[in-house]
Amino acid sequence: MLKIAQSEATTPFPVMLEAIVIHFLYEIMREAGLRVPQPLSNAVSIVGALVIGETAVTSGLVGAPTLMVIALTATASYVTPNLYGPVTIMRFIFIIVGGTLGFWGLALCLMVLLVNICAEMVYRIPYSAPISPFHLRSMRDVLIRASWRVLARDVEMVQNMPGSEIKNSDQKGKQL
């Protein structure tokens, strides 16, 4: 912990500004890798990231712990490639809110994100079902896998859970 504190104390910029600059440089390197021919793109990305990252740390503009955290979050964003754009925007929002409002700002952003996820519907079924809206009987196969005998006794369908009965304004109050 002392090394991390010393590293952050020697940099001339606040952590929020460091993180934004590193993310911005990472996005530039990513775009450069996308725009060059395929065999060259991996080399451009890796060499560019190594050279820029090492230079930024040795010059004292960026702390090594900040660079490490940014590298881990950038690598983790490739887990679901279809969500790369929204994850990048959310990353910048969380950095700015966390840098200005601290822990409570991060908690507020997380709560807003969770409320948004709970409000989403996919094929007129709550995205977070059966956790929200809560249905105890359906929870038997969410965290711990229930046995096939227990699951085969009766069929639980997401469409039959509480919260899936949505009213459509076109149907004038009729349930779908």
C-alpha atoms as a PDB file:
ATOM      1  CA  MET A   1       0.000   0.000   0.000  1.00  0.00           C
ATOM      2  CA  LEU A   2       2.900   2.315   0.690  1.00  0.00           C
ATOM      3  CA  LYS A   3       4.221   1.824  -2.862  1.00  0.00           C
ATOM      4  CA  ILE A   4       0.794   2.689  -4.293  1.00  0.00           C
ATOM      5  CA  ALA A   5       0.553   5.820  -2.140  1.00  0.00           C
ATOM      6  CA  GLN A   6       4.076   6.890  -3.127  1.00  0.00           C
ATOM      7  CA  SER A   7       3.347   6.283  -6.794  1.00  0.00           C
ATOM      8  CA  GLU A   8       0.203   8.406  -6.692  1.00  0.00           C
ATOM      9  CA  ALA A   9       1.902  11.135  -4.656  1.00  0.00           C
ATOM     10  CA  THR A  10       4.690  11.582  -7.211  1.00  0.00           C
ATOM     11  CA  THR A  11       2.393  12.130 -10.205  1.00  0.00           C
ATOM     12  CA  PRO A  12       1.539  15.742 -11.051  1.00  0.00           C
ATOM     13  CA  PHE A  13      -2.113  15.090 -11.956  1.00  0.00           C
ATOM     14  CA  PRO A  14      -5.079  13.834  -9.929  1.00  0.00           C
ATOM     15  CA  VAL A  15      -6.027  10.178 -10.377  1.00  0.00           C
ATOM     16  CA  MET A  16      -9.210  11.072 -12.274  1.00  0.00           C
ATOM     17  CA  LEU A  17      -7.284  13.041 -14.897  1.00  0.00           C
ATOM     18  CA  GLU A  18      -4.686  10.256 -15.175  1.00  0.00           C
ATOM     19  CA  ALA A  19      -7.399   7.664 -15.759  1.00  0.00           C
ATOM     20  CA  ILE A  20      -9.150   9.767 -18.392  1.00  0.00           C
ATOM     21  CA  VAL A  21      -5.894  10.447 -20.259  1.00  0.00           C
ATOM     22  CA  ILE A  22      -4.895   6.774 -20.188  1.00  0.00           C
ATOM     23  CA  HIS A  23      -8.343   5.705 -21.409  1.00  0.00           C
ATOM     24  CA  PHE A  24      -8.201   8.289 -24.164  1.00  0.00           C
ATOM     25  CA  LEU A  25      -4.763   7.043 -25.259  1.00  0.00           C
ATOM     26  CA  TYR A  26      -6.025   3.462 -25.099  1.00  0.00           C
ATOM     27  CA  GLU A  27      -8.960   4.319 -27.356  1.00  0.00           C
ATOM     28  CA  ILE A  28      -6.590   5.991 -29.848  1.00  0.00           C
ATOM     29  CA  MET A  29      -4.410   2.853 -29.904  1.00  0.00           C
ATOM     30  CA  ARG A  30      -7.482   0.662 -30.335  1.00  0.00           C
ATOM     31  CA  GLU A  31      -8.732   2.728 -33.266  1.00  0.00           C
ATOM     32  CA  ALA A  32      -5.266   2.688 -34.840  1.00  0.00           C
ATOM     33  CA  GLY A  33      -5.241  -1.092 -34.536  1.00  0.00           C
ATOM     34  CA  LEU A  34      -8.632  -1.304 -36.253  1.00  0.00           C
ATOM     35  CA  ARG A  35      -7.614   0.888 -39.184  1.00  0.00           C
ATOM     36  CA  VAL A  36      -4.370  -0.833 -40.213  1.00  0.00           C
ATOM     37  CA  PRO A  37      -4.218  -4.218 -42.010  1.00  0.00           C
ATOM     38  CA  GLN A  38      -5.020  -7.234 -39.824  1.00  0.00           C
ATOM     39  CA  PRO A  39      -1.480  -8.730 -39.548  1.00  0.00           C
ATOM     40  CA  LEU A  40      -0.132  -5.354 -38.468  1.00  0.00           C
ATOM     41  CA  SER A  41      -2.959  -4.436 -36.066  1.00  0.00           C
ATOM     42  CA  ASN A  42      -1.895  -6.715 -33.204  1.00  0.00           C
ATOM     43  CA  ALA A  43       1.686  -5.476 -33.386  1.00  0.00           C
ATOM     44  CA  VAL A  44       0.572  -1.837 -33.456  1.00  0.00           C
ATOM     45  CA  SER A  45      -1.703  -2.325 -30.465  1.00  0.00           C
ATOM     46  CA  ILE A  46       0.756  -4.271 -28.319  1.00  0.00           C
ATOM     47  CA  VAL A  47       3.877  -2.270 -29.118  1.00  0.00           C
ATOM     48  CA  GLY A  48       2.033   1.042 -28.894  1.00  0.00           C
ATOM     49  CA  ALA A  49       0.497   0.165 -25.539  1.00  0.00           C
ATOM     50  CA  LEU A  50       3.819  -1.034 -24.132  1.00  0.00           C
ATOM     51  CA  VAL A  51       5.789   1.956 -25.363  1.00  0.00           C
ATOM     52  CA  ILE A  52       3.227   4.584 -24.348  1.00  0.00           C
ATOM     53  CA  GLY A  53       2.495   2.914 -20.993  1.00  0.00           C
ATOM     54  CA  GLU A  54       6.152   2.479 -20.074  1.00  0.00           C
ATOM     55  CA  THR A  55       7.026   5.995 -21.177  1.00  0.00           C
ATOM     56  CA  ALA A  56       4.147   7.516 -19.208  1.00  0.00           C
ATOM     57  CA  VAL A  57       5.138   5.643 -16.033  1.00  0.00           C
ATOM     58  CA  THR A  58       8.893   6.330 -16.264  1.00  0.00           C
ATOM     59  CA  SER A  59       8.322  10.011 -17.000  1.00  0.00           C
ATOM     60  CA  GLY A  60       6.171  10.284 -13.878  1.00  0.00           C
ATOM     61  CA  LEU A  61       3.050  11.517 -15.651  1.00  0.00           C
ATOM     62  CA  VAL A  62       1.049   8.417 -14.689  1.00  0.00           C
ATOM     63  CA  GLY A  63       1.292   6.097 -11.709  1.00  0.00           C
ATOM     64  CA  ALA A  64       1.906   2.391 -12.295  1.00  0.00           C
ATOM     65  CA  PRO A  65      -1.138   1.318 -10.202  1.00  0.00           C
ATOM     66  CA  THR A  66      -3.415   3.540 -12.298  1.00  0.00           C
ATOM     67  CA  LEU A  67      -2.021   2.088 -15.497  1.00  0.00           C
ATOM     68  CA  MET A  68      -2.516  -1.440 -14.155  1.00  0.00           C
ATOM     69  CA  VAL A  69      -6.151  -0.817 -13.208  1.00  0.00           C
ATOM     70  CA  ILE A  70      -6.907   0.772 -16.591  1.00  0.00           C
ATOM     71  CA  ALA A  71      -5.249  -2.148 -18.402  1.00  0.00           C
ATOM     72  CA  LEU A  72      -7.338  -4.664 -16.440  1.00  0.00           C
ATOM     73  CA  THR A  73     -10.598  -2.828 -17.118  1.00  0.00           C
ATOM     74  CA  ALA A  74      -9.740  -2.484 -20.807  1.00  0.00           C
ATOM     75  CA  THR A  75      -8.995  -6.197 -21.054  1.00  0.00           C
ATOM     76  CA  ALA A  76     -12.184  -7.087 -19.164  1.00  0.00           C
ATOM     77  CA  SER A  77     -14.275  -5.022 -21.580  1.00  0.00           C
ATOM     78  CA  TYR A  78     -13.514  -7.544 -24.333  1.00  0.00           C
ATOM     79  CA  VAL A  79     -15.514 -10.241 -22.528  1.00  0.00           C
ATOM     80  CA  THR A  80     -18.671  -9.192 -24.367  1.00  0.00           C
ATOM     81  CA  PRO A  81     -17.614  -7.528 -27.623  1.00  0.00           C
ATOM     82  CA  ASN A  82     -21.142  -6.356 -28.475  1.00  0.00           C
ATOM     83  CA  LEU A  83     -21.171  -4.193 -25.357  1.00  0.00           C
ATOM     84  CA  TYR A  84     -17.794  -2.546 -25.929  1.00  0.00           C
ATOM     85  CA  GLY A  85     -19.263   0.865 -26.817  1.00  0.00           C
ATOM     86  CA  PRO A  86     -21.659   1.129 -23.853  1.00  0.00           C
ATOM     87  CA  VAL A  87     -19.002  -0.198 -21.471  1.00  0.00           C
ATOM     88  CA  THR A  88     -16.551   2.459 -22.674  1.00  0.00           C
ATOM     89  CA  ILE A  89     -19.078   5.239 -22.104  1.00  0.00           C
ATOM     90  CA  MET A  90     -20.012   3.840 -18.682  1.00  0.00           C
ATOM     91  CA  ARG A  91     -16.314   3.624 -17.779  1.00  0.00           C
ATOM     92  CA  PHE A  92     -15.827   7.330 -18.516  1.00  0.00           C
ATOM     93  CA  ILE A  93     -18.991   8.231 -16.583  1.00  0.00           C
ATOM     94  CA  PHE A  94     -17.878   6.213 -13.557  1.00  0.00           C
ATOM     95  CA  ILE A  95     -14.389   7.776 -13.651  1.00  0.00           C
ATOM     96  CA  ILE A  96     -15.775  11.317 -13.771  1.00  0.00           C
ATOM     97  CA  VAL A  97     -18.441  10.746 -11.100  1.00  0.00           C
ATOM     98  CA  GLY A  98     -16.024   8.829  -8.872  1.00  0.00           C
ATOM     99  CA  GLY A  99     -13.390  11.520  -9.246  1.00  0.00           C
ATOM    100  CA  THR A 100     -15.766  14.352  -8.402  1.00  0.00           C
ATOM    101  CA  LEU A 101     -18.135  12.798  -5.842  1.00  0.00           C
ATOM    102  CA  GLY A 102     -15.957  10.000  -4.441  1.00  0.00           C
ATOM    103  CA  PHE A 103     -17.326   6.745  -3.050  1.00  0.00           C
ATOM    104  CA  TRP A 104     -20.871   8.074  -2.675  1.00  0.00           C
ATOM    105  CA  GLY A 105     -20.912   9.114  -6.315  1.00  0.00           C
ATOM    106  CA  LEU A 106     -19.828   5.619  -7.345  1.00  0.00           C
ATOM    107  CA  ALA A 107     -22.545   4.116  -5.152  1.00  0.00           C
ATOM    108  CA  LEU A 108     -25.108   6.468  -6.711  1.00  0.00           C
ATOM    109  CA  CYS A 109     -23.972   5.528 -10.246  1.00  0.00           C
ATOM    110  CA  LEU A 110     -24.155   1.845  -9.383  1.00  0.00           C
ATOM    111  CA  MET A 111     -27.678   2.260  -8.026  1.00  0.00           C
ATOM    112  CA  VAL A 112     -28.787   4.117 -11.166  1.00  0.00           C
ATOM    113  CA  LEU A 113     -27.263   1.346 -13.289  1.00  0.00           C
ATOM    114  CA  LEU A 114     -29.039  -1.379 -11.281  1.00  0.00           C
ATOM    115  CA  VAL A 115     -32.382   0.439 -11.489  1.00  0.00           C
ATOM    116  CA  ASN A 116     -31.906   0.773 -15.239  1.00  0.00           C
ATOM    117  CA  ILE A 117     -31.126  -2.939 -15.575  1.00  0.00           C
ATOM    118  CA  CYS A 118     -34.211  -3.855 -13.518  1.00  0.00           C
ATOM    119  CA  ALA A 119     -36.385  -1.620 -15.721  1.00  0.00           C
ATOM    120  CA  GLU A 120     -35.269  -3.286 -18.964  1.00  0.00           C
ATOM    121  CA  MET A 121     -37.563  -5.732 -20.729  1.00  0.00           C
ATOM    122  CA  VAL A 122     -36.608  -8.402 -23.247  1.00  0.00           C
ATOM    123  CA  TYR A 123     -39.533  -9.845 -25.195  1.00  0.00           C
ATOM    124  CA  ARG A 124     -41.863  -8.290 -22.612  1.00  0.00           C
ATOM    125  CA  ILE A 125     -40.160 -10.193 -19.775  1.00  0.00           C
ATOM    126  CA  PRO A 126     -38.156  -8.391 -17.070  1.00  0.00           C
ATOM    127  CA  TYR A 127     -34.435  -8.617 -17.846  1.00  0.00           C
ATOM    128  CA  SER A 128     -33.527  -9.356 -14.238  1.00  0.00           C
ATOM    129  CA  ALA A 129     -36.239 -11.996 -13.661  1.00  0.00           C
ATOM    130  CA  PRO A 130     -36.577 -13.975 -11.345  1.00  0.00           C
ATOM    131  CA  ILE A 131     -34.426 -11.834  -9.049  1.00  0.00           C
ATOM    132  CA  SER A 132     -36.432  -8.683  -9.694  1.00  0.00           C
ATOM    133  CA  PRO A 133     -39.434  -9.000  -9.463  1.00  0.00           C
ATOM    134  CA  PHE A 134     -38.623 -11.575  -6.795  1.00  0.00           C
ATOM    135  CA  HIS A 135     -40.169 -15.017  -7.095  1.00  0.00           C
ATOM    136  CA  LEU A 136     -38.981 -17.472  -4.411  1.00  0.00           C
ATOM    137  CA  ARG A 137     -39.913 -20.621  -6.304  1.00  0.00           C
ATOM    138  CA  SER A 138     -37.828 -19.602  -9.301  1.00  0.00           C
ATOM    139  CA  MET A 139     -34.776 -18.846  -7.167  1.00  0.00           C
ATOM    140  CA  ARG A 140     -34.025 -22.551  -6.754  1.00  0.00           C
ATOM    141  CA  ASP A 141     -31.983 -22.536  -9.940  1.00  0.00           C
ATOM    142  CA  VAL A 142     -30.384 -19.083  -9.899  1.00  0.00           C
ATOM    143  CA  LEU A 143     -27.383 -19.295  -7.556  1.00  0.00           C
ATOM    144  CA  ILE A 144     -27.161 -23.033  -6.899  1.00  0.00           C
ATOM    145  CA  ARG A 145     -28.116 -25.565  -9.528  1.00  0.00           C
ATOM    146  CA  ALA A 146     -31.140 -27.589  -8.418  1.00  0.00           C
ATOM    147  CA  SER A 147     -31.255 -31.282  -9.239  1.00  0.00           C
ATOM    148  CA  TRP A 148     -32.999 -32.436 -12.392  1.00  0.00           C
ATOM    149  CA  ARG A 149     -35.620 -34.278 -10.315  1.00  0.00           C
ATOM    150  CA  VAL A 150     -36.594 -31.083  -8.529  1.00  0.00           C
ATOM    151  CA  LEU A 151     -36.651 -29.092 -11.768  1.00  0.00           C
ATOM    152  CA  ALA A 152     -38.666 -31.741 -13.634  1.00  0.00           C
ATOM    153  CA  ARG A 153     -41.523 -31.808 -11.089  1.00  0.00           C
ATOM    154  CA  ASP A 154     -43.133 -28.688 -12.449  1.00  0.00           C
ATOM    155  CA  VAL A 155     -42.175 -26.400 -15.256  1.00  0.00           C
ATOM    156  CA  GLU A 156     -41.467 -22.808 -14.239  1.00  0.00           C
ATOM    157  CA  MET A 157     -41.671 -20.452 -17.148  1.00  0.00           C
ATOM    158  CA  VAL A 158     -40.373 -16.905 -17.047  1.00  0.00           C
ATOM    159  CA  GLN A 159     -43.546 -15.774 -18.794  1.00  0.00           C
ATOM    160  CA  ASN A 160     -45.615 -16.927 -15.785  1.00  0.00           C
ATOM    161  CA  MET A 161     -43.612 -15.020 -13.175  1.00  0.00           C
ATOM    162  CA  PRO A 162     -44.914 -11.954 -11.402  1.00  0.00           C
ATOM    163  CA  GLY A 163     -44.051  -8.834 -13.344  1.00  0.00           C
ATOM    164  CA  SER A 164     -44.329 -10.395 -16.769  1.00  0.00           C
ATOM    165  CA  GLU A 165     -47.957  -9.390 -17.206  1.00  0.00           C
ATOM    166  CA  ILE A 166     -47.437  -6.184 -19.152  1.00  0.00           C
ATOM    167  CA  LYS A 167     -50.203  -3.920 -20.366  1.00  0.00           C
ATOM    168  CA  ASN A 168     -49.872  -2.565 -23.869  1.00  0.00           C
ATOM    169  CA  SER A 169     -51.299   0.857 -24.653  1.00  0.00           C
ATOM    170  CA  ASP A 170     -52.362  -0.400 -28.115  1.00  0.00           C
ATOM    171  CA  GLN A 171     -54.555  -3.058 -26.544  1.00  0.00           C
ATOM    172  CA  LYS A 172     -56.349  -0.479 -24.328  1.00  0.00           C
ATOM    173  CA  GLY A 173     -55.638  -2.181 -21.010  1.00  0.00           C
ATOM    174  CA  LYS A 174     -55.788  -5.790 -22.115  1.00  0.00           C
ATOM    175  CA  GLN A 175     -53.005  -8.045 -20.899  1.00  0.00           C
ATOM    176  CA  LEU A 176     -50.734  -9.642 -23.452  1.00  0.00           C
END
